[in-house]
Protein backbone atom coordinates (compact mmCIF):
# COMPACT_ATOMS: atom_id res chain seq x y z
CA MET A 1 20.31 -9.19 -14.54
CA GLY A 2 20.67 -9.47 -10.79
CA LEU A 3 19.19 -7.26 -8.15
CA ASN A 4 21.55 -4.38 -7.48
CA LEU A 5 19.87 -2.13 -4.96
CA THR A 6 21.73 0.99 -3.97
CA TYR A 7 22.84 0.07 -0.48
CA ASN A 8 22.98 2.66 2.26
CA PRO A 9 26.64 2.78 3.36
CA LEU A 10 25.45 3.07 6.96
CA LEU A 11 23.39 -0.13 6.73
CA PRO A 12 26.01 -2.49 8.26
CA LEU A 13 26.23 -0.16 11.27
CA VAL A 14 22.45 0.08 11.44
CA GLN A 15 22.13 -3.71 11.37
CA LEU A 16 24.79 -4.09 14.06
CA ILE A 17 22.92 -1.70 16.34
CA LEU A 18 19.60 -3.41 15.67
CA MET A 19 20.98 -6.84 16.38
CA GLU A 20 21.89 -5.83 19.94
CA ASN A 21 18.24 -5.87 21.01
CA TYR A 22 16.17 -6.73 17.95
CA SER A 23 16.63 -8.84 14.86
CA ALA A 24 16.00 -7.52 11.35
CA THR A 25 16.33 -9.69 8.27
CA PRO A 26 17.67 -7.84 5.19
CA ILE A 27 15.33 -7.93 2.19
CA THR A 28 17.66 -9.42 -0.39
CA ALA A 29 17.17 -10.42 -4.01
CA GLU A 30 17.10 -14.05 -2.92
CA LEU A 31 14.35 -13.45 -0.37
CA ALA A 32 12.28 -11.38 -2.81
CA SER A 33 12.72 -13.96 -5.56
CA SER A 34 11.42 -16.71 -3.28
CA LEU A 35 8.21 -14.71 -2.77
CA MET A 36 7.43 -14.00 -6.42
CA PRO A 37 4.07 -15.55 -7.45
CA ILE A 38 4.35 -18.38 -9.96
CA ARG A 39 2.62 -17.76 -13.31
CA PRO A 40 1.79 -21.07 -15.04
CA ASP A 41 1.42 -20.88 -18.81
CA ASP A 42 -2.01 -22.54 -18.62
CA SER A 43 -3.38 -19.87 -16.26
CA PHE A 44 -6.13 -17.31 -16.93
CA LYS A 45 -7.07 -13.96 -15.43
CA GLY A 46 -8.99 -15.56 -12.57
CA THR A 47 -5.83 -17.39 -11.51
CA PHE A 48 -4.20 -14.20 -10.29
CA GLY A 49 -6.94 -12.69 -8.18
CA LYS A 50 -9.15 -9.63 -8.07
CA ALA A 51 -7.85 -6.47 -6.43
CA LEU A 52 -10.07 -3.54 -5.42
CA VAL A 53 -8.59 -0.03 -5.19
CA VAL A 54 -10.73 2.55 -3.36
CA ALA A 55 -9.04 5.85 -4.04
CA GLY A 56 -9.05 9.33 -5.44
CA SER A 57 -10.80 12.68 -5.28
CA ARG A 58 -11.01 15.65 -7.60
CA LYS A 59 -8.02 17.22 -5.84
CA TYR A 60 -5.93 14.03 -5.89
CA THR A 61 -6.93 12.29 -9.12
CA GLY A 62 -3.31 11.35 -9.82
CA ALA A 63 -2.92 9.40 -6.58
CA ALA A 64 -5.71 7.06 -7.63
CA GLY A 65 -4.23 6.72 -11.10
CA LEU A 66 -0.79 5.76 -9.79
CA ALA A 67 -2.18 3.19 -7.35
CA ILE A 68 -4.43 1.61 -9.99
CA GLN A 69 -1.64 1.37 -12.56
CA ALA A 70 0.76 -0.16 -10.04
CA ALA A 71 -1.88 -2.74 -9.07
CA LEU A 72 -2.27 -3.63 -12.74
CA ARG A 73 1.52 -3.99 -13.14
CA SER A 74 1.73 -6.20 -10.04
CA GLY A 75 0.30 -9.19 -11.89
CA ALA A 76 -3.22 -9.19 -10.45
CA GLY A 77 -5.67 -10.75 -12.87
CA LEU A 78 -8.36 -8.08 -12.47
CA VAL A 79 -8.17 -4.64 -10.90
CA TYR A 80 -11.38 -2.88 -9.86
CA ALA A 81 -11.20 0.85 -9.20
CA ALA A 82 -13.83 2.43 -6.91
CA ILE A 83 -13.60 6.19 -7.43
CA PRO A 84 -15.71 9.36 -7.39
CA GLU A 85 -17.70 9.66 -10.61
CA SER A 86 -16.26 13.09 -11.40
CA ILE A 87 -12.74 11.72 -11.95
CA HIS A 88 -13.82 8.72 -14.01
CA ALA A 89 -13.39 10.33 -17.43
CA PRO A 90 -9.71 11.36 -17.11
CA LEU A 91 -8.69 8.12 -15.42
CA ALA A 92 -10.57 5.85 -17.81
CA ALA A 93 -9.06 7.70 -20.76
CA SER A 94 -5.54 6.96 -19.57
CA ILE A 95 -5.97 3.50 -17.96
CA ALA A 96 -7.61 1.02 -20.29
CA GLU A 97 -7.35 -2.12 -18.20
CA ALA A 98 -9.17 -1.24 -14.95
CA ILE A 99 -12.81 -2.05 -14.17
CA TRP A 100 -14.52 1.10 -12.92
CA LEU A 101 -16.93 1.31 -9.98
CA LEU A 102 -18.36 4.80 -9.45
CA LEU A 103 -19.15 5.80 -5.86
CA PRO A 104 -21.31 8.60 -4.43
CA GLU A 105 -19.45 11.87 -3.98
CA LYS A 106 -19.73 15.36 -2.59
CA ASP A 107 -17.50 18.20 -3.77
CA GLY A 108 -15.34 15.75 -5.69
CA ALA A 109 -14.70 13.25 -2.88
CA ILE A 110 -16.20 9.86 -2.02
CA THR A 111 -18.85 10.34 0.64
CA ALA A 112 -21.30 8.73 3.01
CA GLU A 113 -22.58 11.57 5.15
CA LYS A 114 -23.73 9.03 7.71
CA PRO A 115 -23.03 5.28 7.79
CA PRO A 116 -26.22 4.44 5.87
CA GLU A 117 -28.82 1.84 6.71
CA LEU A 118 -28.88 0.01 3.41
CA VAL A 119 -30.25 -3.23 2.08
CA SER A 120 -27.71 -5.84 0.98
CA GLU A 121 -27.77 -4.90 -2.71
CA GLN A 122 -27.14 -1.22 -1.92
CA LYS A 123 -24.27 -2.10 0.42
CA ALA A 124 -22.70 -4.22 -2.31
CA ASP A 125 -22.70 -1.16 -4.57
CA LEU A 126 -21.33 1.23 -1.95
CA TYR A 127 -18.80 -1.20 -0.42
CA PRO A 128 -17.93 -3.38 -3.46
CA ALA A 129 -15.60 -5.87 -1.76
CA GLU A 130 -17.66 -9.01 -2.37
CA GLY A 131 -15.80 -11.45 -4.61
CA LYS A 132 -12.51 -9.54 -4.32
CA ASP A 133 -9.29 -11.04 -3.04
CA SER A 134 -7.78 -7.84 -1.61
CA VAL A 135 -8.65 -4.19 -1.00
CA LEU A 136 -6.64 -0.97 -0.96
CA VAL A 137 -8.18 2.14 0.55
CA GLY A 138 -6.65 5.56 0.98
CA PRO A 139 -4.62 7.06 -1.88
CA GLY A 140 -5.94 10.52 -2.67
CA LEU A 141 -9.24 10.11 -0.80
CA GLY A 142 -9.10 13.42 1.03
CA GLN A 143 -10.32 13.82 4.60
CA SER A 144 -13.75 15.43 4.37
CA ASP A 145 -16.45 14.52 6.88
CA GLY A 146 -18.26 12.51 4.20
CA THR A 147 -15.11 10.61 3.26
CA GLN A 148 -14.42 9.89 6.92
CA ALA A 149 -17.93 8.48 7.30
CA PHE A 150 -17.45 6.35 4.19
CA LEU A 151 -14.14 4.89 5.39
CA LEU A 152 -15.44 4.01 8.84
CA ALA A 153 -18.55 2.41 7.35
CA LEU A 154 -16.44 0.46 4.84
CA LEU A 155 -14.21 -0.91 7.61
CA GLU A 156 -17.26 -1.84 9.66
CA HIS A 157 -18.74 -3.62 6.64
CA LEU A 158 -15.52 -5.57 6.08
CA ARG A 159 -15.21 -6.55 9.75
CA GLU A 160 -18.74 -7.89 9.66
CA HIS A 161 -18.82 -9.57 6.25
CA ALA A 162 -15.19 -10.27 5.26
CA PRO A 163 -13.00 -10.03 8.39
CA ASP A 164 -10.15 -12.02 6.83
CA LEU A 165 -10.07 -10.22 3.48
CA PRO A 166 -6.59 -8.62 3.17
CA ILE A 167 -6.75 -4.82 3.14
CA VAL A 168 -4.09 -2.15 2.66
CA VAL A 169 -4.76 1.07 4.60
CA ASP A 170 -2.73 3.92 3.16
CA ALA A 171 -2.36 7.71 3.00
CA ASP A 172 -5.58 9.62 3.79
CA ALA A 173 -7.17 6.49 5.27
CA LEU A 174 -4.37 6.39 7.85
CA ASN A 175 -4.85 10.05 8.66
CA ILE A 176 -8.60 9.61 9.10
CA LEU A 177 -8.06 6.61 11.36
CA SER A 178 -5.56 8.49 13.50
CA GLN A 179 -8.39 10.83 14.56
CA GLN A 180 -10.45 7.93 15.97
CA PRO A 181 -10.11 6.64 19.56
CA ASP A 182 -8.65 3.11 19.65
CA TRP A 183 -8.50 3.20 15.87
CA HIS A 184 -6.70 -0.12 15.50
CA ASN A 185 -9.80 -1.90 16.82
CA LEU A 186 -11.66 -0.72 13.71
CA LEU A 187 -9.51 -2.80 11.35
CA PRO A 188 -10.23 -6.22 9.81
CA ASN A 189 -7.93 -9.06 10.79
CA ARG A 190 -5.40 -8.98 7.91
CA THR A 191 -4.49 -5.34 7.42
CA VAL A 192 -1.29 -3.81 6.03
CA LEU A 193 -0.55 -0.33 7.39
CA THR A 194 1.82 1.89 5.38
CA PRO A 195 2.81 5.01 7.38
CA HIS A 196 5.79 7.26 6.88
CA GLU A 197 7.18 8.98 9.98
CA MET A 198 4.63 11.81 10.10
CA GLU A 199 1.71 9.39 9.68
CA PHE A 200 3.23 7.09 12.30
CA SER A 201 3.41 10.08 14.65
CA ARG A 202 -0.29 10.77 14.13
CA LEU A 203 -1.19 7.11 14.70
CA THR A 204 0.86 6.79 17.89
CA GLY A 205 0.80 10.32 19.31
CA LEU A 206 4.59 10.21 19.63
CA PRO A 207 6.85 13.14 18.65
CA LEU A 208 8.87 12.87 15.45
CA SER A 209 12.15 13.18 17.35
CA GLU A 210 11.41 10.05 19.39
CA ILE A 211 10.23 8.15 16.34
CA HIS A 212 13.26 9.09 14.27
CA SER A 213 15.69 7.86 16.93
CA ASN A 214 13.82 4.61 17.70
CA ARG A 215 12.31 3.53 14.39
CA HIS A 216 12.96 -0.18 14.69
CA GLU A 217 11.97 -0.58 18.33
CA LEU A 218 8.77 1.40 17.85
CA ALA A 219 7.84 -0.36 14.62
CA VAL A 220 8.10 -3.77 16.27
CA THR A 221 6.31 -2.62 19.42
CA TYR A 222 3.33 -1.13 17.60
CA ALA A 223 3.00 -3.89 15.00
CA ARG A 224 2.62 -6.28 17.92
CA GLU A 225 0.25 -3.98 19.79
CA TRP A 226 -1.94 -3.38 16.73
CA GLN A 227 -1.63 -7.04 15.61
CA GLN A 228 -1.25 -5.97 11.99
CA THR A 229 1.47 -5.97 9.34
CA LEU A 230 3.32 -2.65 9.36
CA ILE A 231 5.38 -1.06 6.60
CA PHE A 232 7.28 1.81 8.20
CA LYS A 233 8.32 3.79 5.14
CA GLY A 234 11.48 5.84 4.79
CA PRO A 235 15.19 5.25 4.14
CA ASN A 236 15.72 1.56 4.92
CA THR A 237 12.00 0.81 5.09
CA LEU A 238 10.96 -1.68 7.78
CA VAL A 239 8.38 -4.43 7.26
CA VAL A 240 7.09 -5.92 10.51
CA SER A 241 4.66 -8.80 11.08
CA PRO A 242 2.01 -8.89 13.83
CA ASP A 243 4.35 -11.24 15.72
CA GLY A 244 7.21 -8.72 15.58
CA ASP A 245 9.29 -10.38 12.85
CA CYS A 246 11.14 -7.57 11.11
CA ARG A 247 12.66 -7.21 7.64
CA ILE A 248 14.72 -4.20 6.56
CA LEU A 249 15.19 -2.86 3.04
CA PRO A 250 18.83 -1.98 2.29
CA PHE A 251 17.89 0.99 0.11
CA ALA A 252 18.04 4.72 0.71
CA ASN A 253 17.78 7.07 -2.25
CA SER A 254 16.06 10.41 -2.85
CA VAL A 255 14.51 8.99 -6.02
CA LEU A 256 11.52 8.02 -3.84
CA ALA A 257 11.18 11.52 -2.35
CA HIS A 258 8.35 12.49 -4.71
CA GLY A 259 4.65 12.76 -4.01
CA GLY A 260 3.00 9.65 -5.43
CA SER A 261 5.76 7.15 -4.66
CA GLY A 262 3.71 5.76 -1.79
CA ASP A 263 0.67 5.36 -4.04
CA VAL A 264 2.75 3.15 -6.34
CA LEU A 265 3.87 1.02 -3.39
CA ALA A 266 0.29 0.66 -2.13
CA GLY A 267 -0.89 -0.50 -5.55
CA LEU A 268 1.85 -3.11 -5.69
CA ILE A 269 0.91 -4.45 -2.26
CA VAL A 270 -2.80 -4.88 -3.04
CA GLY A 271 -1.99 -6.61 -6.32
CA LEU A 272 0.36 -9.08 -4.64
CA LEU A 273 -2.20 -9.76 -1.90
CA ALA A 274 -4.75 -10.56 -4.60
CA GLN A 275 -2.38 -13.23 -5.91
CA GLY A 276 -2.42 -15.03 -2.59
CA LEU A 277 0.67 -13.79 -0.74
CA SER A 278 0.36 -13.30 2.99
CA PRO A 279 0.31 -9.68 4.19
CA PHE A 280 3.88 -9.92 5.54
CA ASN A 281 5.26 -11.46 2.34
CA ALA A 282 3.26 -9.21 0.01
CA ALA A 283 4.57 -6.17 1.89
CA THR A 284 8.13 -7.49 1.73
CA LEU A 285 8.06 -8.22 -2.00
CA ALA A 286 6.31 -4.94 -2.79
CA VAL A 287 8.90 -2.76 -1.04
CA CYS A 288 11.69 -4.64 -2.81
CA LEU A 289 10.11 -4.35 -6.27
CA HIS A 290 9.33 -0.70 -5.59
CA ALA A 291 12.94 0.08 -4.69
CA ARG A 292 14.36 -1.91 -7.61
CA ALA A 293 11.99 -0.30 -10.12
CA ALA A 294 12.96 3.11 -8.73
CA GLU A 295 16.62 2.34 -9.24
CA LEU A 296 16.02 1.17 -12.80
CA ALA A 297 13.96 4.27 -13.53
CA LEU A 298 16.74 6.44 -12.14
CA VAL A 299 19.25 4.87 -14.54
CA GLU A 300 16.99 5.67 -17.49
CA VAL A 301 16.02 9.21 -16.45
CA GLY A 302 19.47 10.16 -15.26
CA HIS A 303 18.84 12.06 -12.02
CA ALA A 304 16.84 11.38 -8.86
CA ALA A 305 15.28 14.85 -8.93
CA ALA A 306 13.66 14.15 -12.30
CA THR A 307 12.62 10.53 -11.74
CA LEU A 308 8.87 10.44 -11.12
CA PRO A 309 6.52 7.79 -9.69
CA SER A 310 5.12 7.23 -13.18
CA ASP A 311 8.65 6.30 -14.28
CA ILE A 312 8.81 3.75 -11.47
CA ILE A 313 5.60 2.09 -12.67
CA ARG A 314 7.06 1.62 -16.15
CA HIS A 315 10.00 -0.30 -14.66
CA ILE A 316 8.09 -2.73 -12.43
CA GLY A 317 8.29 -5.46 -15.07
CA LYS A 318 12.06 -5.06 -15.35
CA ALA A 319 12.31 -5.19 -11.58
CA MET A 320 10.43 -8.49 -11.61
CA ARG A 321 12.69 -9.83 -14.34
CA SER A 322 15.75 -8.91 -12.28
CA LEU A 323 14.55 -11.36 -9.62
């Protein structure tokens, strides 16, 4: 079965306009297939990396669950989930394969009221990135003062101890960062940022009207300025490298217009990073698999309005097979 993404009928015109000043490579089945990690038959779980998902709060338990399940479906060998203790029971009851790391919390959200002065062993417990091959932080975290302090301390810890560890910064983590002066200087070296238009507006301070009319130009400009891989989510999602190389997804469908779709994408990215893909290629393959799995889920469910992010997760394997 070949890849059969639902193409936006306006895409040829979009590409023509983009090519006047900028180049954008379409994310095709052939490109995505070339990026798929190889899975030798004599491999073991350590072959495919260890992904860490830092996510969730009592209010947004489901966001953590979706991201963790997508990371597991990505092919990562081991997925560690760092979550508030109060949401452990429901998540562990429904996700058998994750390894659970319980973090301090206040009012149902991960917290560090102040960046603590800890000994090495305590830091390893609070910021459990040692020995991991990739990190995702953000889905469902909330934005309390304690969670903000935790995120900033985690990023500082990674910059100091693992500056080249790939990290995906998503959802609430983006919104917390947008409140910090010169926030992009707080990131480790190999970060994937995943904003939609509203989050991009918060990160840049630009109005939505300007962003909507100049998506490609702005995505390339800011990916270069921030020196990070950028996934600018939306119809015809853009994936941009720190050097300004741009890839465009020829897919626009309301099937992804459900809360939680972005959590699934973030989980896919961190799992592919754990398997050794570069940030740019992991982001590219993840958005393609995400779109293809959404299309397959839509066929099964029957209508975009009723196709949920949990349906998309169940079709990730079929999306991989289609490549």
